[in-house]
Amino acid sequence: MKSYQYQIIRYIHDHVTGEFVNVGLVCYEPDSSYLRCKVINRIGRISNFFLEVKGHYIIALLRQLESQINLISKDTKENNNNFKSLDIITASVLPKDDSAIICTEVKKAIDIDFDKAFEDLYYRFVEKYIEEPETNPHNDNYAWKNYYKRYFEKYGLIQNFKKHSVKTLTDEINFDKSWKNGVWNCYQSLSLDLSKTESIKNKVYRWSGILRQLETTVEPMHLYFLTVAPKNNLGLTNFIKEALTLKNKQIEVTLVEEKDAEKFAAKVKKKMENSFLISNDAID
């Protein structure tokens, strides 16, 4: 485990009210000269919050910031120029003034793989809140609505679901579809029907990082991934199963395939019947 530093990049819409939206991330580890920056590339992330904002101008500023930090990263690696703190780097390209773009205070964390840690943080602080079109088959919500929801409705399950927040050692992970019968049963739709192998791996790595957090919870739970597999397979079946299947004292993880959606819903119905959440004659 090695310690690294990071700052969240924010767009401040109004300095008086303090309204802001996270628009990027920068990470730094001095010993290995690891320096990486990533910002949003679409105005929707900002305009979803602030309709009147000049999004294209903000995106241009962010791209310039990302480019400058990446140049510093290249120079740091080539010339072994280490900096004591990340804010020295970011302050050199983004002075602390009344600008609409700011970096938060430097935060510290530890990990063994900085790229995976970076992707996990970027998802949690930025990407998680980017809305995708409902018709996008790569969207987890689309996967739920088009592959699983009709069977969960058919067997009378949805009305028994509650929102549940799992408290971990350093975070809280939220699930919209959960119910309890001794342990919390949480359902997370997960579309892996992406065209690029790298995109699938990044999504799996992101959830693998979340699972590491969930392992620290004190309350037992069973997490079910309602998956949609890659249409072209891409030889990733074993990789996905090894990365996402988990069973220990506190948390068990099960992967459900879309071809088994109705069979799985029927099985959940029986569990709910045994817990008296629904009557035996609720659904045939």
C-alpha atoms as a PDB file:
ATOM      1  CA  MET A   1       0.000   0.000   0.000  1.00  0.00           C
ATOM      2  CA  LYS A   2       1.240   3.468  -0.900  1.00  0.00           C
ATOM      3  CA  SER A   3      -0.127   6.865  -0.001  1.00  0.00           C
ATOM      4  CA  TYR A   4      -1.251   9.238  -2.743  1.00  0.00           C
ATOM      5  CA  GLN A   5      -2.836  12.691  -2.912  1.00  0.00           C
ATOM      6  CA  TYR A   6      -5.866  13.872  -4.844  1.00  0.00           C
ATOM      7  CA  GLN A   7      -7.970  16.963  -5.437  1.00  0.00           C
ATOM      8  CA  ILE A   8     -11.472  17.202  -6.863  1.00  0.00           C
ATOM      9  CA  ILE A   9     -11.904  19.791  -9.608  1.00  0.00           C
ATOM     10  CA  ARG A  10     -15.093  21.808  -9.229  1.00  0.00           C
ATOM     11  CA  TYR A  11     -17.094  24.310 -11.205  1.00  0.00           C
ATOM     12  CA  ILE A  12     -18.331  27.003  -8.795  1.00  0.00           C
ATOM     13  CA  HIS A  13     -21.505  28.458 -10.234  1.00  0.00           C
ATOM     14  CA  ASP A  14     -21.979  31.087  -7.539  1.00  0.00           C
ATOM     15  CA  HIS A  15     -19.299  31.981  -4.994  1.00  0.00           C
ATOM     16  CA  VAL A  16     -21.905  33.643  -2.779  1.00  0.00           C
ATOM     17  CA  THR A  17     -24.236  30.654  -2.472  1.00  0.00           C
ATOM     18  CA  GLY A  18     -21.440  28.112  -2.828  1.00  0.00           C
ATOM     19  CA  GLU A  19     -23.263  26.129  -5.539  1.00  0.00           C
ATOM     20  CA  PHE A  20     -20.873  23.787  -7.312  1.00  0.00           C
ATOM     21  CA  VAL A  21     -20.598  20.608  -9.376  1.00  0.00           C
ATOM     22  CA  ASN A  22     -17.655  18.183  -9.536  1.00  0.00           C
ATOM     23  CA  VAL A  23     -16.107  18.222 -13.009  1.00  0.00           C
ATOM     24  CA  GLY A  24     -12.771  16.433 -12.692  1.00  0.00           C
ATOM     25  CA  LEU A  25     -10.049  14.819 -10.616  1.00  0.00           C
ATOM     26  CA  VAL A  26      -6.278  15.052 -10.281  1.00  0.00           C
ATOM     27  CA  CYS A  27      -4.077  12.527  -8.427  1.00  0.00           C
ATOM     28  CA  TYR A  28      -0.401  12.584  -7.464  1.00  0.00           C
ATOM     29  CA  GLU A  29       2.091  10.185  -5.866  1.00  0.00           C
ATOM     30  CA  PRO A  30       5.573  11.777  -5.471  1.00  0.00           C
ATOM     31  CA  ASP A  31       7.786   8.680  -5.165  1.00  0.00           C
ATOM     32  CA  SER A  32       6.691   7.195  -8.482  1.00  0.00           C
ATOM     33  CA  SER A  33       6.053  10.596 -10.134  1.00  0.00           C
ATOM     34  CA  TYR A  34       2.490   9.455 -10.790  1.00  0.00           C
ATOM     35  CA  LEU A  35       0.397  12.450 -11.862  1.00  0.00           C
ATOM     36  CA  ARG A  36      -2.930  12.116 -13.644  1.00  0.00           C
ATOM     37  CA  CYS A  37      -5.805  14.452 -14.430  1.00  0.00           C
ATOM     38  CA  LYS A  38      -9.205  13.771 -15.969  1.00  0.00           C
ATOM     39  CA  VAL A  39     -12.089  16.159 -16.613  1.00  0.00           C
ATOM     40  CA  ILE A  40     -15.556  15.875 -18.098  1.00  0.00           C
ATOM     41  CA  ASN A  41     -15.834  16.262 -21.868  1.00  0.00           C
ATOM     42  CA  ARG A  42     -19.540  17.039 -22.224  1.00  0.00           C
ATOM     43  CA  ILE A  43     -21.473  20.109 -21.133  1.00  0.00           C
ATOM     44  CA  GLY A  44     -24.402  18.004 -19.910  1.00  0.00           C
ATOM     45  CA  ARG A  45     -22.668  17.398 -16.575  1.00  0.00           C
ATOM     46  CA  ILE A  46     -22.856  21.156 -15.889  1.00  0.00           C
ATOM     47  CA  SER A  47     -26.029  22.157 -17.748  1.00  0.00           C
ATOM     48  CA  ASN A  48     -28.020  19.474 -15.914  1.00  0.00           C
ATOM     49  CA  PHE A  49     -27.436  21.528 -12.774  1.00  0.00           C
ATOM     50  CA  PHE A  50     -27.219  25.089 -14.117  1.00  0.00           C
ATOM     51  CA  LEU A  51     -29.278  25.699 -17.257  1.00  0.00           C
ATOM     52  CA  GLU A  52     -27.947  29.172 -17.989  1.00  0.00           C
ATOM     53  CA  VAL A  53     -24.241  28.314 -17.858  1.00  0.00           C
ATOM     54  CA  LYS A  54     -21.973  28.753 -20.907  1.00  0.00           C
ATOM     55  CA  GLY A  55     -20.981  25.108 -20.964  1.00  0.00           C
ATOM     56  CA  HIS A  56     -18.719  25.162 -24.018  1.00  0.00           C
ATOM     57  CA  TYR A  57     -16.549  27.860 -22.448  1.00  0.00           C
ATOM     58  CA  ILE A  58     -16.225  25.876 -19.198  1.00  0.00           C
ATOM     59  CA  ILE A  59     -15.354  22.685 -21.100  1.00  0.00           C
ATOM     60  CA  ALA A  60     -12.620  24.587 -22.959  1.00  0.00           C
ATOM     61  CA  LEU A  61     -11.140  25.776 -19.637  1.00  0.00           C
ATOM     62  CA  LEU A  62     -11.213  22.258 -18.228  1.00  0.00           C
ATOM     63  CA  ARG A  63      -9.504  20.791 -21.273  1.00  0.00           C
ATOM     64  CA  GLN A  64      -6.795  23.418 -21.015  1.00  0.00           C
ATOM     65  CA  LEU A  65      -6.298  22.553 -17.326  1.00  0.00           C
ATOM     66  CA  GLU A  66      -6.105  18.837 -18.103  1.00  0.00           C
ATOM     67  CA  SER A  67      -3.617  19.464 -20.899  1.00  0.00           C
ATOM     68  CA  GLN A  68      -1.339  21.605 -18.701  1.00  0.00           C
ATOM     69  CA  ILE A  69      -1.283  19.063 -15.877  1.00  0.00           C
ATOM     70  CA  ASN A  70      -0.536  16.262 -18.331  1.00  0.00           C
ATOM     71  CA  LEU A  71       2.422  18.273 -19.659  1.00  0.00           C
ATOM     72  CA  ILE A  72       3.707  18.650 -16.099  1.00  0.00           C
ATOM     73  CA  SER A  73       3.215  14.902 -15.631  1.00  0.00           C
ATOM     74  CA  LYS A  74       5.342  14.165 -18.680  1.00  0.00           C
ATOM     75  CA  ASP A  75       8.066  16.565 -17.540  1.00  0.00           C
ATOM     76  CA  THR A  76       8.007  15.137 -14.000  1.00  0.00           C
ATOM     77  CA  LYS A  77       8.566  11.595 -15.243  1.00  0.00           C
ATOM     78  CA  GLU A  78      11.238  12.520 -17.765  1.00  0.00           C
ATOM     79  CA  ASN A  79      13.249  14.776 -15.459  1.00  0.00           C
ATOM     80  CA  ASN A  80      12.374  13.212 -12.107  1.00  0.00           C
ATOM     81  CA  ASN A  81      11.070  16.539 -10.772  1.00  0.00           C
ATOM     82  CA  ASN A  82       9.060  15.688  -7.705  1.00  0.00           C
ATOM     83  CA  PHE A  83       6.791  18.091  -5.850  1.00  0.00           C
ATOM     84  CA  LYS A  84       6.151  18.018  -2.130  1.00  0.00           C
ATOM     85  CA  SER A  85       2.409  18.451  -2.476  1.00  0.00           C
ATOM     86  CA  LEU A  86      -0.206  18.238  -5.202  1.00  0.00           C
ATOM     87  CA  ASP A  87      -1.536  21.734  -4.531  1.00  0.00           C
ATOM     88  CA  ILE A  88       1.825  23.166  -5.630  1.00  0.00           C
ATOM     89  CA  ILE A  89       1.180  21.638  -9.056  1.00  0.00           C
ATOM     90  CA  THR A  90      -2.458  22.654  -9.376  1.00  0.00           C
ATOM     91  CA  ALA A  91      -1.821  26.179  -8.054  1.00  0.00           C
ATOM     92  CA  SER A  92       0.757  26.686 -10.817  1.00  0.00           C
ATOM     93  CA  VAL A  93      -1.898  26.203 -13.503  1.00  0.00           C
ATOM     94  CA  LEU A  94      -4.975  27.262 -11.553  1.00  0.00           C
ATOM     95  CA  PRO A  95      -4.288  30.225  -9.233  1.00  0.00           C
ATOM     96  CA  LYS A  96      -6.466  30.485  -6.131  1.00  0.00           C
ATOM     97  CA  ASP A  97      -8.738  33.405  -6.984  1.00  0.00           C
ATOM     98  CA  ASP A  98     -12.407  33.933  -7.778  1.00  0.00           C
ATOM     99  CA  SER A  99     -12.270  31.680 -10.829  1.00  0.00           C
ATOM    100  CA  ALA A 100     -15.248  29.467 -11.652  1.00  0.00           C
ATOM    101  CA  ILE A 101     -12.890  26.447 -11.723  1.00  0.00           C
ATOM    102  CA  ILE A 102     -11.228  25.453  -8.444  1.00  0.00           C
ATOM    103  CA  CYS A 103      -9.502  22.491  -6.836  1.00  0.00           C
ATOM    104  CA  THR A 104     -10.525  21.297  -3.389  1.00  0.00           C
ATOM    105  CA  GLU A 105      -8.050  20.946  -0.555  1.00  0.00           C
ATOM    106  CA  VAL A 106      -5.573  18.085  -0.939  1.00  0.00           C
ATOM    107  CA  LYS A 107      -6.911  14.764   0.326  1.00  0.00           C
ATOM    108  CA  LYS A 108      -4.874  11.625   1.001  1.00  0.00           C
ATOM    109  CA  ALA A 109      -5.622   7.930   0.514  1.00  0.00           C
ATOM    110  CA  ILE A 110      -3.782   4.646   0.129  1.00  0.00           C
ATOM    111  CA  ASP A 111      -3.900   1.926  -2.510  1.00  0.00           C
ATOM    112  CA  ILE A 112      -1.693  -0.527  -4.399  1.00  0.00           C
ATOM    113  CA  ASP A 113      -2.845   0.365  -7.905  1.00  0.00           C
ATOM    114  CA  PHE A 114      -3.066   4.102  -8.570  1.00  0.00           C
ATOM    115  CA  ASP A 115      -4.879   3.789 -11.908  1.00  0.00           C
ATOM    116  CA  LYS A 116      -7.641   1.643 -10.401  1.00  0.00           C
ATOM    117  CA  ALA A 117      -7.861   3.981  -7.410  1.00  0.00           C
ATOM    118  CA  PHE A 118      -8.094   6.957  -9.785  1.00  0.00           C
ATOM    119  CA  GLU A 119     -10.927   5.396 -11.804  1.00  0.00           C
ATOM    120  CA  ASP A 120     -12.810   4.503  -8.615  1.00  0.00           C
ATOM    121  CA  LEU A 121     -12.530   8.055  -7.266  1.00  0.00           C
ATOM    122  CA  TYR A 122     -13.457   9.603 -10.597  1.00  0.00           C
ATOM    123  CA  TYR A 123     -16.584   7.458 -10.740  1.00  0.00           C
ATOM    124  CA  ARG A 124     -17.597   8.239  -7.153  1.00  0.00           C
ATOM    125  CA  PHE A 125     -17.095  11.996  -7.375  1.00  0.00           C
ATOM    126  CA  VAL A 126     -17.865  12.776 -11.036  1.00  0.00           C
ATOM    127  CA  GLU A 127     -19.055  10.034 -13.373  1.00  0.00           C
ATOM    128  CA  LYS A 128     -21.619   8.510 -11.008  1.00  0.00           C
ATOM    129  CA  TYR A 129     -23.842  11.569 -11.411  1.00  0.00           C
ATOM    130  CA  ILE A 130     -23.666  11.876 -15.190  1.00  0.00           C
ATOM    131  CA  GLU A 131     -27.034  10.953 -16.653  1.00  0.00           C
ATOM    132  CA  GLU A 132     -26.986   8.771 -19.776  1.00  0.00           C
ATOM    133  CA  PRO A 133     -29.804   8.625 -22.352  1.00  0.00           C
ATOM    134  CA  GLU A 134     -32.545   6.187 -21.405  1.00  0.00           C
ATOM    135  CA  THR A 135     -32.214   4.446 -24.775  1.00  0.00           C
ATOM    136  CA  ASN A 136     -28.521   3.715 -24.303  1.00  0.00           C
ATOM    137  CA  PRO A 137     -28.125  -0.082 -23.934  1.00  0.00           C
ATOM    138  CA  HIS A 138     -24.918   0.536 -21.979  1.00  0.00           C
ATOM    139  CA  ASN A 139     -26.936   2.258 -19.272  1.00  0.00           C
ATOM    140  CA  ASP A 140     -27.571   0.200 -16.111  1.00  0.00           C
ATOM    141  CA  ASN A 141     -31.030   1.735 -15.754  1.00  0.00           C
ATOM    142  CA  TYR A 142     -31.886   0.710 -19.317  1.00  0.00           C
ATOM    143  CA  ALA A 143     -30.727  -2.823 -18.483  1.00  0.00           C
ATOM    144  CA  TRP A 144     -33.080  -2.929 -15.500  1.00  0.00           C
ATOM    145  CA  LYS A 145     -36.081  -1.590 -17.407  1.00  0.00           C
ATOM    146  CA  ASN A 146     -35.637  -3.798 -20.467  1.00  0.00           C
ATOM    147  CA  TYR A 147     -34.378  -7.087 -19.043  1.00  0.00           C
ATOM    148  CA  TYR A 148     -35.463  -7.453 -15.412  1.00  0.00           C
ATOM    149  CA  LYS A 149     -38.198  -5.038 -14.354  1.00  0.00           C
ATOM    150  CA  ARG A 150     -41.098  -6.811 -16.107  1.00  0.00           C
ATOM    151  CA  TYR A 151     -40.355 -10.085 -14.274  1.00  0.00           C
ATOM    152  CA  PHE A 152     -39.958  -8.386 -10.900  1.00  0.00           C
ATOM    153  CA  GLU A 153     -43.308  -6.705 -11.538  1.00  0.00           C
ATOM    154  CA  LYS A 154     -44.906  -9.956 -12.715  1.00  0.00           C
ATOM    155  CA  TYR A 155     -44.022 -11.707  -9.459  1.00  0.00           C
ATOM    156  CA  GLY A 156     -45.087  -8.793  -7.248  1.00  0.00           C
ATOM    157  CA  LEU A 157     -41.642  -7.987  -5.873  1.00  0.00           C
ATOM    158  CA  ILE A 158     -41.101  -4.294  -6.510  1.00  0.00           C
ATOM    159  CA  GLN A 159     -43.601  -2.970  -3.961  1.00  0.00           C
ATOM    160  CA  ASN A 160     -41.578  -4.681  -1.240  1.00  0.00           C
ATOM    161  CA  PHE A 161     -38.312  -2.979  -2.173  1.00  0.00           C
ATOM    162  CA  LYS A 162     -36.815  -0.226  -0.057  1.00  0.00           C
ATOM    163  CA  LYS A 163     -33.866   2.078  -0.468  1.00  0.00           C
ATOM    164  CA  HIS A 164     -30.948   0.945   1.662  1.00  0.00           C
ATOM    165  CA  SER A 165     -27.680   2.673   2.505  1.00  0.00           C
ATOM    166  CA  VAL A 166     -24.784   0.384   3.410  1.00  0.00           C
ATOM    167  CA  LYS A 167     -22.372   2.044   5.810  1.00  0.00           C
ATOM    168  CA  THR A 168     -18.762   1.019   5.266  1.00  0.00           C
ATOM    169  CA  LEU A 169     -15.599   1.983   7.077  1.00  0.00           C
ATOM    170  CA  THR A 170     -15.165   5.225   5.108  1.00  0.00           C
ATOM    171  CA  ASP A 171     -18.229   5.604   2.893  1.00  0.00           C
ATOM    172  CA  GLU A 172     -21.918   4.876   2.297  1.00  0.00           C
ATOM    173  CA  ILE A 173     -23.101   2.855  -0.702  1.00  0.00           C
ATOM    174  CA  ASN A 174     -26.747   3.308  -1.725  1.00  0.00           C
ATOM    175  CA  PHE A 175     -29.066   0.744  -3.323  1.00  0.00           C
ATOM    176  CA  ASP A 176     -32.564   1.530  -4.625  1.00  0.00           C
ATOM    177  CA  LYS A 177     -33.883  -2.042  -4.660  1.00  0.00           C
ATOM    178  CA  SER A 178     -33.453  -3.873  -1.340  1.00  0.00           C
ATOM    179  CA  TRP A 179     -35.361  -5.958   1.209  1.00  0.00           C
ATOM    180  CA  LYS A 180     -34.412  -7.758   4.398  1.00  0.00           C
ATOM    181  CA  ASN A 181     -34.922 -11.331   5.609  1.00  0.00           C
ATOM    182  CA  GLY A 182     -32.213 -11.624   8.253  1.00  0.00           C
ATOM    183  CA  VAL A 183     -29.690 -10.013   5.909  1.00  0.00           C
ATOM    184  CA  TRP A 184     -30.173  -7.195   3.436  1.00  0.00           C
ATOM    185  CA  ASN A 185     -30.764  -8.391  -0.126  1.00  0.00           C
ATOM    186  CA  CYS A 186     -29.686  -5.649  -2.542  1.00  0.00           C
ATOM    187  CA  TYR A 187     -30.146  -5.689  -6.328  1.00  0.00           C
ATOM    188  CA  GLN A 188     -27.927  -3.725  -8.698  1.00  0.00           C
ATOM    189  CA  SER A 189     -28.494  -3.791 -12.455  1.00  0.00           C
ATOM    190  CA  LEU A 190     -25.201  -3.924 -14.334  1.00  0.00           C
ATOM    191  CA  SER A 191     -24.992  -3.668 -18.117  1.00  0.00           C
ATOM    192  CA  LEU A 192     -21.711  -4.974 -19.497  1.00  0.00           C
ATOM    193  CA  ASP A 193     -22.966  -4.836 -23.064  1.00  0.00           C
ATOM    194  CA  LEU A 194     -20.217  -2.476 -24.169  1.00  0.00           C
ATOM    195  CA  SER A 195     -18.407  -2.569 -27.487  1.00  0.00           C
ATOM    196  CA  LYS A 196     -14.864  -2.167 -26.155  1.00  0.00           C
ATOM    197  CA  THR A 197     -13.022  -4.600 -23.897  1.00  0.00           C
ATOM    198  CA  GLU A 198     -11.369  -1.685 -22.082  1.00  0.00           C
ATOM    199  CA  SER A 199     -14.742  -0.105 -21.288  1.00  0.00           C
ATOM    200  CA  ILE A 200     -16.038  -3.363 -19.815  1.00  0.00           C
ATOM    201  CA  LYS A 201     -12.892  -3.830 -17.728  1.00  0.00           C
ATOM    202  CA  ASN A 202     -13.060  -0.264 -16.424  1.00  0.00           C
ATOM    203  CA  LYS A 203     -16.662  -0.784 -15.333  1.00  0.00           C
ATOM    204  CA  VAL A 204     -15.809  -4.085 -13.636  1.00  0.00           C
ATOM    205  CA  TYR A 205     -12.775  -2.548 -11.916  1.00  0.00           C
ATOM    206  CA  ARG A 206     -14.960   0.278 -10.655  1.00  0.00           C
ATOM    207  CA  TRP A 207     -17.409  -2.133  -9.056  1.00  0.00           C
ATOM    208  CA  SER A 208     -14.551  -4.265  -7.763  1.00  0.00           C
ATOM    209  CA  GLY A 209     -13.372  -1.194  -5.868  1.00  0.00           C
ATOM    210  CA  ILE A 210     -16.858  -0.624  -4.471  1.00  0.00           C
ATOM    211  CA  LEU A 211     -16.943  -4.252  -3.325  1.00  0.00           C
ATOM    212  CA  ARG A 212     -13.710  -3.672  -1.401  1.00  0.00           C
ATOM    213  CA  GLN A 213     -15.540  -0.924   0.456  1.00  0.00           C
ATOM    214  CA  LEU A 214     -18.592  -3.109   1.078  1.00  0.00           C
ATOM    215  CA  GLU A 215     -16.385  -5.757   2.672  1.00  0.00           C
ATOM    216  CA  THR A 216     -15.845  -3.355   5.572  1.00  0.00           C
ATOM    217  CA  THR A 217     -19.532  -3.115   6.478  1.00  0.00           C
ATOM    218  CA  VAL A 218     -20.592  -4.452   9.870  1.00  0.00           C
ATOM    219  CA  GLU A 219     -24.059  -5.495   8.660  1.00  0.00           C
ATOM    220  CA  PRO A 220     -24.320  -8.736   6.610  1.00  0.00           C
ATOM    221  CA  MET A 221     -25.719  -8.350   3.093  1.00  0.00           C
ATOM    222  CA  HIS A 222     -26.236 -10.258  -0.141  1.00  0.00           C
ATOM    223  CA  LEU A 223     -25.652  -8.238  -3.311  1.00  0.00           C
ATOM    224  CA  TYR A 224     -27.137  -9.486  -6.580  1.00  0.00           C
ATOM    225  CA  PHE A 225     -25.795  -8.055  -9.846  1.00  0.00           C
ATOM    226  CA  LEU A 226     -28.567  -8.176 -12.458  1.00  0.00           C
ATOM    227  CA  THR A 227     -26.231  -8.330 -15.418  1.00  0.00           C
ATOM    228  CA  VAL A 228     -26.506  -7.904 -19.157  1.00  0.00           C
ATOM    229  CA  ALA A 229     -23.546  -9.701 -20.716  1.00  0.00           C
ATOM    230  CA  PRO A 230     -21.440  -8.407 -23.623  1.00  0.00           C
ATOM    231  CA  LYS A 231     -23.169  -9.434 -26.851  1.00  0.00           C
ATOM    232  CA  ASN A 232     -19.833 -10.325 -28.448  1.00  0.00           C
ATOM    233  CA  ASN A 233     -18.616 -11.953 -25.199  1.00  0.00           C
ATOM    234  CA  LEU A 234     -15.019 -10.786 -25.903  1.00  0.00           C
ATOM    235  CA  GLY A 235     -13.663 -13.618 -23.735  1.00  0.00           C
ATOM    236  CA  LEU A 236     -14.342 -11.745 -20.512  1.00  0.00           C
ATOM    237  CA  THR A 237     -16.676 -14.173 -18.732  1.00  0.00           C
ATOM    238  CA  ASN A 238     -14.071 -15.548 -16.316  1.00  0.00           C
ATOM    239  CA  PHE A 239     -12.610 -12.090 -15.705  1.00  0.00           C
ATOM    240  CA  ILE A 240     -16.044 -10.687 -14.789  1.00  0.00           C
ATOM    241  CA  LYS A 241     -16.909 -13.601 -12.493  1.00  0.00           C
ATOM    242  CA  GLU A 242     -13.568 -13.552 -10.664  1.00  0.00           C
ATOM    243  CA  ALA A 243     -13.639  -9.786 -10.180  1.00  0.00           C
ATOM    244  CA  LEU A 244     -17.252  -9.511  -9.013  1.00  0.00           C
ATOM    245  CA  THR A 245     -18.100 -12.811  -7.289  1.00  0.00           C
ATOM    246  CA  LEU A 246     -17.447 -12.515  -3.572  1.00  0.00           C
ATOM    247  CA  LYS A 247     -18.360 -14.373  -0.412  1.00  0.00           C
ATOM    248  CA  ASN A 248     -17.083 -13.671   3.095  1.00  0.00           C
ATOM    249  CA  LYS A 249     -18.501 -13.272   6.587  1.00  0.00           C
ATOM    250  CA  GLN A 250     -20.260  -9.972   5.859  1.00  0.00           C
ATOM    251  CA  ILE A 251     -21.084  -9.918   2.169  1.00  0.00           C
ATOM    252  CA  GLU A 252     -22.018 -12.407  -0.520  1.00  0.00           C
ATOM    253  CA  VAL A 253     -22.206 -11.440  -4.194  1.00  0.00           C
ATOM    254  CA  THR A 254     -24.159 -13.307  -6.881  1.00  0.00           C
ATOM    255  CA  LEU A 255     -24.205 -12.593 -10.614  1.00  0.00           C
ATOM    256  CA  VAL A 256     -27.536 -13.089 -12.386  1.00  0.00           C
ATOM    257  CA  GLU A 257     -27.631 -13.401 -16.184  1.00  0.00           C
ATOM    258  CA  GLU A 258     -30.388 -11.825 -18.239  1.00  0.00           C
ATOM    259  CA  LYS A 259     -31.406 -15.230 -19.677  1.00  0.00           C
ATOM    260  CA  ASP A 260     -32.265 -16.309 -16.118  1.00  0.00           C
ATOM    261  CA  ALA A 261     -34.197 -13.149 -15.248  1.00  0.00           C
ATOM    262  CA  GLU A 262     -37.648 -14.745 -14.886  1.00  0.00           C
ATOM    263  CA  LYS A 263     -36.345 -17.844 -13.107  1.00  0.00           C
ATOM    264  CA  PHE A 264     -34.491 -15.600 -10.669  1.00  0.00           C
ATOM    265  CA  ALA A 265     -37.554 -13.397 -10.017  1.00  0.00           C
ATOM    266  CA  ALA A 266     -39.596 -16.527  -9.241  1.00  0.00           C
ATOM    267  CA  LYS A 267     -36.932 -17.623  -6.764  1.00  0.00           C
ATOM    268  CA  VAL A 268     -36.991 -14.214  -5.044  1.00  0.00           C
ATOM    269  CA  LYS A 269     -40.783 -14.485  -4.827  1.00  0.00           C
ATOM    270  CA  LYS A 270     -40.482 -17.742  -2.876  1.00  0.00           C
ATOM    271  CA  LYS A 271     -38.002 -16.148  -0.474  1.00  0.00           C
ATOM    272  CA  MET A 272     -40.370 -13.246   0.103  1.00  0.00           C
ATOM    273  CA  GLU A 273     -43.263 -15.647   0.661  1.00  0.00           C
ATOM    274  CA  ASN A 274     -41.224 -17.459   3.315  1.00  0.00           C
ATOM    275  CA  SER A 275     -40.593 -14.067   4.937  1.00  0.00           C
ATOM    276  CA  PHE A 276     -44.336 -13.232   4.731  1.00  0.00           C
ATOM    277  CA  LEU A 277     -43.693 -10.152   2.608  1.00  0.00           C
ATOM    278  CA  ILE A 278     -46.065 -11.371  -0.084  1.00  0.00           C
ATOM    279  CA  SER A 279     -48.870 -13.941  -0.040  1.00  0.00           C
ATOM    280  CA  ASN A 280     -48.514 -17.319  -1.728  1.00  0.00           C
ATOM    281  CA  ASP A 281     -51.232 -16.466  -4.251  1.00  0.00           C
ATOM    282  CA  ALA A 282     -49.850 -13.011  -5.179  1.00  0.00           C
ATOM    283  CA  ILE A 283     -48.691 -14.143  -8.621  1.00  0.00           C
ATOM    284  CA  ASP A 284     -48.889 -17.410 -10.557  1.00  0.00           C
END
